[in-house]
């Protein structure tokens, strides 16, 4: 077998999103905002999922913070809940 000949990294980080040195918003905060907005509208996860045309598990995972929505889904969620997308998913710089 050939010896591992990978090049060494030239920088301390290997990529990713530039957050300007600030930590990204906590996932729980983002998820809590969606859950709180949904509850203010007196919607169950299933009702929100049905209105958006997604599976209830998708909403549960989003609220639990284990998944992030696509841009299109984030916009649909914001529209359905009557909230600015920035209030639900961040947007502060």
PDB file of N, CA and C in Angstrom:
ATOM      1  N   UNK A   1       0.837  -1.179   0.000  1.00  0.00           N
ATOM      2  CA  UNK A   1       0.000   0.000   0.000  1.00  0.00           C
ATOM      3  C   UNK A   1       0.883   1.243   0.000  1.00  0.00           C
ATOM      4  N   UNK A   2       0.380   2.266  -0.597  1.00  0.00           N
ATOM      5  CA  UNK A   2       1.120   3.519  -0.645  1.00  0.00           C
ATOM      6  C   UNK A   2       1.030   4.228   0.698  1.00  0.00           C
ATOM      7  N   UNK A   3       2.085   4.925   1.019  1.00  0.00           N
ATOM      8  CA  UNK A   3       2.129   5.696   2.257  1.00  0.00           C
ATOM      9  C   UNK A   3       1.207   6.911   2.130  1.00  0.00           C
ATOM     10  N   UNK A   4       0.623   7.315   3.240  1.00  0.00           N
ATOM     11  CA  UNK A   4      -0.262   8.477   3.235  1.00  0.00           C
ATOM     12  C   UNK A   4       0.536   9.712   2.840  1.00  0.00           C
ATOM     13  N   UNK A   5       0.193  10.329   1.711  1.00  0.00           N
ATOM     14  CA  UNK A   5       0.945  11.481   1.218  1.00  0.00           C
ATOM     15  C   UNK A   5       0.092  12.734   1.164  1.00  0.00           C
ATOM     16  N   UNK A   6      -0.801  12.887   2.111  1.00  0.00           N
ATOM     17  CA  UNK A   6      -1.629  14.098   2.140  1.00  0.00           C
ATOM     18  C   UNK A   6      -0.767  15.302   2.458  1.00  0.00           C
ATOM     19  N   UNK A   7      -1.130  16.416   1.848  1.00  0.00           N
ATOM     20  CA  UNK A   7      -0.415  17.653   2.145  1.00  0.00           C
ATOM     21  C   UNK A   7      -0.802  18.153   3.527  1.00  0.00           C
ATOM     22  N   UNK A   8       0.108  18.744   4.262  1.00  0.00           N
ATOM     23  CA  UNK A   8      -0.254  19.316   5.563  1.00  0.00           C
ATOM     24  C   UNK A   8      -1.096  20.576   5.355  1.00  0.00           C
ATOM     25  N   UNK A   9      -1.941  20.860   6.308  1.00  0.00           N
ATOM     26  CA  UNK A   9      -2.750  22.080   6.234  1.00  0.00           C
ATOM     27  C   UNK A   9      -1.864  23.295   6.376  1.00  0.00           C
ATOM     28  N   UNK A  10      -2.231  24.327   5.636  1.00  0.00           N
ATOM     29  CA  UNK A  10      -1.455  25.557   5.701  1.00  0.00           C
ATOM     30  C   UNK A  10      -2.072  26.565   6.649  1.00  0.00           C
ATOM     31  N   UNK A  11      -3.319  26.343   7.045  1.00  0.00           N
ATOM     32  CA  UNK A  11      -3.981  27.258   7.969  1.00  0.00           C
ATOM     33  C   UNK A  11      -4.506  26.470   9.154  1.00  0.00           C
ATOM     34  N   UNK A  12      -4.843  27.194  10.204  1.00  0.00           N
ATOM     35  CA  UNK A  12      -5.327  26.546  11.418  1.00  0.00           C
ATOM     36  C   UNK A  12      -6.733  25.997  11.250  1.00  0.00           C
ATOM     37  N   UNK A  13      -7.515  26.569  10.340  1.00  0.00           N
ATOM     38  CA  UNK A  13      -8.869  26.077  10.116  1.00  0.00           C
ATOM     39  C   UNK A  13      -8.990  25.598   8.690  1.00  0.00           C
ATOM     40  N   UNK A  14      -9.903  24.688   8.486  1.00  0.00           N
ATOM     41  CA  UNK A  14     -10.010  24.093   7.155  1.00  0.00           C
ATOM     42  C   UNK A  14     -11.174  24.622   6.351  1.00  0.00           C
ATOM     43  N   UNK A  15     -11.781  25.690   6.769  1.00  0.00           N
ATOM     44  CA  UNK A  15     -12.887  26.242   6.003  1.00  0.00           C
ATOM     45  C   UNK A  15     -14.052  26.542   6.908  1.00  0.00           C
ATOM     46  N   UNK A  16     -15.204  26.687   6.330  1.00  0.00           N
ATOM     47  CA  UNK A  16     -16.384  26.979   7.118  1.00  0.00           C
ATOM     48  C   UNK A  16     -16.838  28.402   6.896  1.00  0.00           C
ATOM     49  N   UNK A  17     -17.849  28.772   7.635  1.00  0.00           N
ATOM     50  CA  UNK A  17     -18.470  30.071   7.470  1.00  0.00           C
ATOM     51  C   UNK A  17     -17.752  31.116   8.310  1.00  0.00           C
ATOM     52  N   UNK A  18     -17.478  32.265   7.745  1.00  0.00           N
ATOM     53  CA  UNK A  18     -16.864  33.361   8.485  1.00  0.00           C
ATOM     54  C   UNK A  18     -17.948  34.048   9.298  1.00  0.00           C
ATOM     55  N   UNK A  19     -17.835  33.980  10.613  1.00  0.00           N
ATOM     56  CA  UNK A  19     -18.832  34.601  11.485  1.00  0.00           C
ATOM     57  C   UNK A  19     -18.316  35.902  12.073  1.00  0.00           C
ATOM     58  N   UNK A  20     -17.221  36.420  11.533  1.00  0.00           N
ATOM     59  CA  UNK A  20     -16.694  37.685  12.009  1.00  0.00           C
ATOM     60  C   UNK A  20     -16.163  37.606  13.426  1.00  0.00           C
ATOM     61  N   UNK A  21     -15.753  36.439  13.852  1.00  0.00           N
ATOM     62  CA  UNK A  21     -15.213  36.284  15.192  1.00  0.00           C
ATOM     63  C   UNK A  21     -16.265  36.115  16.261  1.00  0.00           C
ATOM     64  N   UNK A  22     -17.533  36.266  15.912  1.00  0.00           N
ATOM     65  CA  UNK A  22     -18.619  36.112  16.877  1.00  0.00           C
ATOM     66  C   UNK A  22     -19.166  34.695  16.798  1.00  0.00           C
ATOM     67  N   UNK A  23     -19.537  34.120  17.918  1.00  0.00           N
ATOM     68  CA  UNK A  23     -20.131  32.785  17.844  1.00  0.00           C
ATOM     69  C   UNK A  23     -21.485  32.839  17.165  1.00  0.00           C
ATOM     70  N   UNK A  24     -21.838  31.767  16.470  1.00  0.00           N
ATOM     71  CA  UNK A  24     -23.144  31.693  15.839  1.00  0.00           C
ATOM     72  C   UNK A  24     -24.199  31.559  16.922  1.00  0.00           C
ATOM     73  N   UNK A  25     -25.431  31.985  16.659  1.00  0.00           N
ATOM     74  CA  UNK A  25     -26.487  31.860  17.666  1.00  0.00           C
ATOM     75  C   UNK A  25     -26.663  30.408  18.087  1.00  0.00           C
ATOM     76  N   UNK A  26     -26.975  30.213  19.342  1.00  0.00           N
ATOM     77  CA  UNK A  26     -27.175  28.861  19.859  1.00  0.00           C
ATOM     78  C   UNK A  26     -28.347  28.204  19.160  1.00  0.00           C
ATOM     79  N   UNK A  27     -28.212  26.952  18.860  1.00  0.00           N
ATOM     80  CA  UNK A  27     -29.264  26.220  18.167  1.00  0.00           C
ATOM     81  C   UNK A  27     -30.535  26.186  18.995  1.00  0.00           C
ATOM     82  N   UNK A  28     -30.398  26.036  20.319  1.00  0.00           N
ATOM     83  CA  UNK A  28     -31.600  25.978  21.158  1.00  0.00           C
ATOM     84  C   UNK A  28     -32.399  27.274  21.056  1.00  0.00           C
ATOM     85  N   UNK A  29     -31.697  28.410  20.978  1.00  0.00           N
ATOM     86  CA  UNK A  29     -32.382  29.692  20.880  1.00  0.00           C
ATOM     87  C   UNK A  29     -33.185  29.764  19.597  1.00  0.00           C
ATOM     88  N   UNK A  30     -32.567  29.354  18.500  1.00  0.00           N
ATOM     89  CA  UNK A  30     -33.250  29.376  17.214  1.00  0.00           C
ATOM     90  C   UNK A  30     -34.453  28.445  17.249  1.00  0.00           C
ATOM     91  N   UNK A  31     -34.246  27.247  17.771  1.00  0.00           N
ATOM     92  CA  UNK A  31     -35.323  26.272  17.830  1.00  0.00           C
ATOM     93  C   UNK A  31     -36.440  26.759  18.745  1.00  0.00           C
ATOM     94  N   UNK A  32     -36.085  27.345  19.858  1.00  0.00           N
ATOM     95  CA  UNK A  32     -37.085  27.840  20.785  1.00  0.00           C
ATOM     96  C   UNK A  32     -37.937  28.938  20.149  1.00  0.00           C
ATOM     97  N   UNK A  33     -37.333  29.757  19.334  1.00  0.00           N
ATOM     98  CA  UNK A  33     -38.087  30.831  18.676  1.00  0.00           C
ATOM     99  C   UNK A  33     -39.163  30.254  17.768  1.00  0.00           C
ATOM    100  N   UNK A  34     -38.840  29.200  17.048  1.00  0.00           N
ATOM    101  CA  UNK A  34     -39.817  28.569  16.161  1.00  0.00           C
ATOM    102  C   UNK A  34     -40.930  27.932  16.993  1.00  0.00           C
ATOM    103  N   UNK A  35     -40.559  27.192  18.024  1.00  0.00           N
ATOM    104  CA  UNK A  35     -41.557  26.536  18.876  1.00  0.00           C
ATOM    105  C   UNK A  35     -42.456  27.566  19.553  1.00  0.00           C
ATOM    106  N   UNK A  36     -41.867  28.635  20.056  1.00  0.00           N
ATOM    107  CA  UNK A  36     -42.664  29.670  20.722  1.00  0.00           C
ATOM    108  C   UNK A  36     -43.618  30.343  19.755  1.00  0.00           C
ATOM    109  N   UNK A  37     -43.152  30.653  18.555  1.00  0.00           N
ATOM    110  CA  UNK A  37     -44.026  31.279  17.557  1.00  0.00           C
ATOM    111  C   UNK A  37     -45.158  30.337  17.171  1.00  0.00           C
ATOM    112  N   UNK A  38     -44.839  29.057  17.017  1.00  0.00           N
ATOM    113  CA  UNK A  38     -45.869  28.065  16.686  1.00  0.00           C
ATOM    114  C   UNK A  38     -46.903  27.981  17.792  1.00  0.00           C
ATOM    115  N   UNK A  39     -46.451  27.966  19.036  1.00  0.00           N
ATOM    116  CA  UNK A  39     -47.373  27.877  20.166  1.00  0.00           C
ATOM    117  C   UNK A  39     -48.224  29.136  20.304  1.00  0.00           C
ATOM    118  N   UNK A  40     -47.649  30.304  19.999  1.00  0.00           N
ATOM    119  CA  UNK A  40     -48.431  31.547  20.030  1.00  0.00           C
ATOM    120  C   UNK A  40     -49.581  31.504  19.035  1.00  0.00           C
ATOM    121  N   UNK A  41     -49.388  30.786  17.934  1.00  0.00           N
ATOM    122  CA  UNK A  41     -50.434  30.642  16.911  1.00  0.00           C
ATOM    123  C   UNK A  41     -51.358  29.471  17.209  1.00  0.00           C
ATOM    124  N   UNK A  42     -51.156  28.837  18.373  1.00  0.00           N
ATOM    125  CA  UNK A  42     -51.965  27.685  18.796  1.00  0.00           C
ATOM    126  C   UNK A  42     -51.955  26.570  17.751  1.00  0.00           C
ATOM    127  N   UNK A  43     -50.774  26.306  17.210  1.00  0.00           N
ATOM    128  CA  UNK A  43     -50.615  25.242  16.226  1.00  0.00           C
ATOM    129  C   UNK A  43     -49.832  24.090  16.841  1.00  0.00           C
ATOM    130  N   UNK A  44     -50.207  22.889  16.491  1.00  0.00           N
ATOM    131  CA  UNK A  44     -49.402  21.727  16.855  1.00  0.00           C
ATOM    132  C   UNK A  44     -48.306  21.575  15.801  1.00  0.00           C
ATOM    133  N   UNK A  45     -47.317  20.747  16.109  1.00  0.00           N
ATOM    134  CA  UNK A  45     -46.287  20.463  15.115  1.00  0.00           C
ATOM    135  C   UNK A  45     -46.920  19.871  13.859  1.00  0.00           C
ATOM    136  N   UNK A  46     -47.903  18.992  14.047  1.00  0.00           N
ATOM    137  CA  UNK A  46     -48.556  18.362  12.907  1.00  0.00           C
ATOM    138  C   UNK A  46     -49.298  19.385  12.053  1.00  0.00           C
ATOM    139  N   UNK A  47     -50.001  20.317  12.684  1.00  0.00           N
ATOM    140  CA  UNK A  47     -50.739  21.339  11.933  1.00  0.00           C
ATOM    141  C   UNK A  47     -49.788  22.218  11.126  1.00  0.00           C
ATOM    142  N   UNK A  48     -48.667  22.602  11.738  1.00  0.00           N
ATOM    143  CA  UNK A  48     -47.686  23.410  11.018  1.00  0.00           C
ATOM    144  C   UNK A  48     -47.090  22.615   9.865  1.00  0.00           C
ATOM    145  N   UNK A  49     -46.750  21.376  10.125  1.00  0.00           N
ATOM    146  CA  UNK A  49     -46.185  20.520   9.079  1.00  0.00           C
ATOM    147  C   UNK A  49     -47.153  20.366   7.909  1.00  0.00           C
ATOM    148  N   UNK A  50     -48.432  20.129   8.211  1.00  0.00           N
ATOM    149  CA  UNK A  50     -49.439  19.984   7.157  1.00  0.00           C
ATOM    150  C   UNK A  50     -49.553  21.265   6.336  1.00  0.00           C
ATOM    151  N   UNK A  51     -49.546  22.410   7.000  1.00  0.00           N
ATOM    152  CA  UNK A  51     -49.661  23.687   6.295  1.00  0.00           C
ATOM    153  C   UNK A  51     -48.462  23.940   5.389  1.00  0.00           C
ATOM    154  N   UNK A  52     -47.297  23.410   5.790  1.00  0.00           N
ATOM    155  CA  UNK A  52     -46.071  23.616   5.013  1.00  0.00           C
ATOM    156  C   UNK A  52     -45.813  22.505   4.001  1.00  0.00           C
ATOM    157  N   UNK A  53     -46.561  21.409   4.125  1.00  0.00           N
ATOM    158  CA  UNK A  53     -46.346  20.288   3.224  1.00  0.00           C
ATOM    159  C   UNK A  53     -45.094  19.490   3.548  1.00  0.00           C
ATOM    160  N   UNK A  54     -44.742  19.427   4.846  1.00  0.00           N
ATOM    161  CA  UNK A  54     -43.584  18.635   5.282  1.00  0.00           C
ATOM    162  C   UNK A  54     -44.034  17.635   6.335  1.00  0.00           C
ATOM    163  N   UNK A  55     -43.155  16.750   6.707  1.00  0.00           N
ATOM    164  CA  UNK A  55     -43.429  15.753   7.725  1.00  0.00           C
ATOM    165  C   UNK A  55     -43.326  16.380   9.112  1.00  0.00           C
ATOM    166  N   UNK A  56     -44.138  15.915  10.061  1.00  0.00           N
ATOM    167  CA  UNK A  56     -44.088  16.434  11.426  1.00  0.00           C
ATOM    168  C   UNK A  56     -42.705  16.265  12.045  1.00  0.00           C
ATOM    169  N   UNK A  57     -42.032  15.180  11.685  1.00  0.00           N
ATOM    170  CA  UNK A  57     -40.689  14.928  12.217  1.00  0.00           C
ATOM    171  C   UNK A  57     -39.727  16.048  11.807  1.00  0.00           C
ATOM    172  N   UNK A  58     -39.920  16.613  10.636  1.00  0.00           N
ATOM    173  CA  UNK A  58     -39.078  17.732  10.195  1.00  0.00           C
ATOM    174  C   UNK A  58     -39.229  18.917  11.133  1.00  0.00           C
ATOM    175  N   UNK A  59     -40.453  19.205  11.533  1.00  0.00           N
ATOM    176  CA  UNK A  59     -40.696  20.311  12.460  1.00  0.00           C
ATOM    177  C   UNK A  59     -40.110  19.984  13.826  1.00  0.00           C
ATOM    178  N   UNK A  60     -40.300  18.761  14.286  1.00  0.00           N
ATOM    179  CA  UNK A  60     -39.764  18.356  15.589  1.00  0.00           C
ATOM    180  C   UNK A  60     -38.241  18.478  15.618  1.00  0.00           C
ATOM    181  N   UNK A  61     -37.587  18.026  14.565  1.00  0.00           N
ATOM    182  CA  UNK A  61     -36.120  18.109  14.513  1.00  0.00           C
ATOM    183  C   UNK A  61     -35.643  19.545  14.432  1.00  0.00           C
ATOM    184  N   UNK A  62     -36.361  20.372  13.699  1.00  0.00           N
ATOM    185  CA  UNK A  62     -36.028  21.787  13.614  1.00  0.00           C
ATOM    186  C   UNK A  62     -36.129  22.432  14.994  1.00  0.00           C
ATOM    187  N   UNK A  63     -37.232  22.160  15.687  1.00  0.00           N
ATOM    188  CA  UNK A  63     -37.434  22.735  17.019  1.00  0.00           C
ATOM    189  C   UNK A  63     -36.443  22.183  18.038  1.00  0.00           C
ATOM    190  N   UNK A  64     -36.020  20.937  17.864  1.00  0.00           N
ATOM    191  CA  UNK A  64     -35.047  20.335  18.782  1.00  0.00           C
ATOM    192  C   UNK A  64     -33.628  20.834  18.503  1.00  0.00           C
ATOM    193  N   UNK A  65     -33.458  21.461  17.358  1.00  0.00           N
ATOM    194  CA  UNK A  65     -32.150  21.990  17.017  1.00  0.00           C
ATOM    195  C   UNK A  65     -31.221  20.990  16.358  1.00  0.00           C
ATOM    196  N   UNK A  66     -31.756  19.846  15.925  1.00  0.00           N
ATOM    197  CA  UNK A  66     -30.910  18.851  15.283  1.00  0.00           C
ATOM    198  C   UNK A  66     -30.857  19.019  13.770  1.00  0.00           C
ATOM    199  N   UNK A  67     -31.701  19.858  13.218  1.00  0.00           N
ATOM    200  CA  UNK A  67     -31.703  20.133  11.783  1.00  0.00           C
ATOM    201  C   UNK A  67     -31.897  21.633  11.560  1.00  0.00           C
ATOM    202  N   UNK A  68     -31.381  22.099  10.439  1.00  0.00           N
ATOM    203  CA  UNK A  68     -31.598  23.480  10.007  1.00  0.00           C
ATOM    204  C   UNK A  68     -32.432  23.435   8.735  1.00  0.00           C
ATOM    205  N   UNK A  69     -33.346  24.386   8.576  1.00  0.00           N
ATOM    206  CA  UNK A  69     -34.197  24.362   7.382  1.00  0.00           C
ATOM    207  C   UNK A  69     -33.463  24.922   6.167  1.00  0.00           C
ATOM    208  N   UNK A  70     -33.922  24.538   5.001  1.00  0.00           N
ATOM    209  CA  UNK A  70     -33.439  25.190   3.780  1.00  0.00           C
ATOM    210  C   UNK A  70     -33.949  26.629   3.806  1.00  0.00           C
ATOM    211  N   UNK A  71     -33.383  27.453   2.959  1.00  0.00           N
ATOM    212  CA  UNK A  71     -33.831  28.846   2.889  1.00  0.00           C
ATOM    213  C   UNK A  71     -35.311  28.907   2.516  1.00  0.00           C
ATOM    214  N   UNK A  72     -35.711  28.092   1.552  1.00  0.00           N
ATOM    215  CA  UNK A  72     -37.111  28.101   1.112  1.00  0.00           C
ATOM    216  C   UNK A  72     -38.036  27.696   2.260  1.00  0.00           C
ATOM    217  N   UNK A  73     -37.663  26.665   3.022  1.00  0.00           N
ATOM    218  CA  UNK A  73     -38.503  26.235   4.137  1.00  0.00           C
ATOM    219  C   UNK A  73     -38.518  27.276   5.245  1.00  0.00           C
ATOM    220  N   UNK A  74     -37.382  27.885   5.529  1.00  0.00           N
ATOM    221  CA  UNK A  74     -37.324  28.932   6.557  1.00  0.00           C
ATOM    222  C   UNK A  74     -38.270  30.080   6.204  1.00  0.00           C
ATOM    223  N   UNK A  75     -38.295  30.465   4.935  1.00  0.00           N
ATOM    224  CA  UNK A  75     -39.186  31.545   4.511  1.00  0.00           C
ATOM    225  C   UNK A  75     -40.653  31.131   4.621  1.00  0.00           C
ATOM    226  N   UNK A  76     -40.960  29.884   4.266  1.00  0.00           N
ATOM    227  CA  UNK A  76     -42.344  29.399   4.374  1.00  0.00           C
ATOM    228  C   UNK A  76     -42.784  29.323   5.831  1.00  0.00           C
ATOM    229  N   UNK A  77     -41.897  28.878   6.709  1.00  0.00           N
ATOM    230  CA  UNK A  77     -42.215  28.811   8.150  1.00  0.00           C
ATOM    231  C   UNK A  77     -42.495  30.212   8.671  1.00  0.00           C
ATOM    232  N   UNK A  78     -41.638  31.158   8.340  1.00  0.00           N
ATOM    233  CA  UNK A  78     -41.814  32.532   8.801  1.00  0.00           C
ATOM    234  C   UNK A  78     -43.144  33.107   8.313  1.00  0.00           C
ATOM    235  N   UNK A  79     -43.456  32.863   7.053  1.00  0.00           N
ATOM    236  CA  UNK A  79     -44.718  33.362   6.494  1.00  0.00           C
ATOM    237  C   UNK A  79     -45.907  32.725   7.203  1.00  0.00           C
ATOM    238  N   UNK A  80     -45.860  31.423   7.417  1.00  0.00           N
ATOM    239  CA  UNK A  80     -46.966  30.707   8.059  1.00  0.00           C
ATOM    240  C   UNK A  80     -47.167  31.149   9.508  1.00  0.00           C
ATOM    241  N   UNK A  81     -46.062  31.442  10.197  1.00  0.00           N
ATOM    242  CA  UNK A  81     -46.161  31.840  11.605  1.00  0.00           C
ATOM    243  C   UNK A  81     -46.330  33.348  11.778  1.00  0.00           C
ATOM    244  N   UNK A  82     -46.260  34.096  10.677  1.00  0.00           N
ATOM    245  CA  UNK A  82     -46.450  35.540  10.752  1.00  0.00           C
ATOM    246  C   UNK A  82     -45.323  36.251  11.482  1.00  0.00           C
ATOM    247  N   UNK A  83     -44.120  35.724  11.352  1.00  0.00           N
ATOM    248  CA  UNK A  83     -42.949  36.288  12.022  1.00  0.00           C
ATOM    249  C   UNK A  83     -41.885  36.600  10.976  1.00  0.00           C
ATOM    250  N   UNK A  84     -41.047  37.614  11.240  1.00  0.00           N
ATOM    251  CA  UNK A  84     -39.912  37.833  10.338  1.00  0.00           C
ATOM    252  C   UNK A  84     -38.956  36.645  10.405  1.00  0.00           C
ATOM    253  N   UNK A  85     -38.409  36.265   9.277  1.00  0.00           N
ATOM    254  CA  UNK A  85     -37.490  35.127   9.246  1.00  0.00           C
ATOM    255  C   UNK A  85     -36.297  35.381  10.171  1.00  0.00           C
ATOM    256  N   UNK A  86     -35.881  36.636  10.296  1.00  0.00           N
ATOM    257  CA  UNK A  86     -34.752  36.970  11.161  1.00  0.00           C
ATOM    258  C   UNK A  86     -35.067  36.688  12.623  1.00  0.00           C
ATOM    259  N   UNK A  87     -36.323  36.890  13.015  1.00  0.00           N
ATOM    260  CA  UNK A  87     -36.711  36.637  14.404  1.00  0.00           C
ATOM    261  C   UNK A  87     -36.702  35.141  14.721  1.00  0.00           C
ATOM    262  N   UNK A  88     -36.977  34.322  13.742  1.00  0.00           N
ATOM    263  CA  UNK A  88     -37.022  32.882  13.953  1.00  0.00           C
ATOM    264  C   UNK A  88     -35.670  32.211  13.800  1.00  0.00           C
ATOM    265  N   UNK A  89     -34.871  32.699  12.852  1.00  0.00           N
ATOM    266  CA  UNK A  89     -33.633  31.994  12.499  1.00  0.00           C
ATOM    267  C   UNK A  89     -32.384  32.855  12.613  1.00  0.00           C
ATOM    268  N   UNK A  90     -32.473  33.996  13.244  1.00  0.00           N
ATOM    269  CA  UNK A  90     -31.294  34.857  13.380  1.00  0.00           C
ATOM    270  C   UNK A  90     -31.170  35.764  12.184  1.00  0.00           C
ATOM    271  N   UNK A  91     -30.082  36.435  12.093  1.00  0.00           N
ATOM    272  CA  UNK A  91     -29.885  37.373  11.012  1.00  0.00           C
ATOM    273  C   UNK A  91     -29.121  38.572  11.513  1.00  0.00           C
ATOM    274  N   UNK A  92     -28.853  38.577  12.827  1.00  0.00           N
ATOM    275  CA  UNK A  92     -28.050  39.659  13.383  1.00  0.00           C
ATOM    276  C   UNK A  92     -26.641  39.509  12.851  1.00  0.00           C
ATOM    277  N   UNK A  93     -25.984  40.596  12.624  1.00  0.00           N
ATOM    278  CA  UNK A  93     -24.583  40.573  12.178  1.00  0.00           C
ATOM    279  C   UNK A  93     -23.752  41.328  13.132  1.00  0.00           C
TER     280      UNK A  93
END
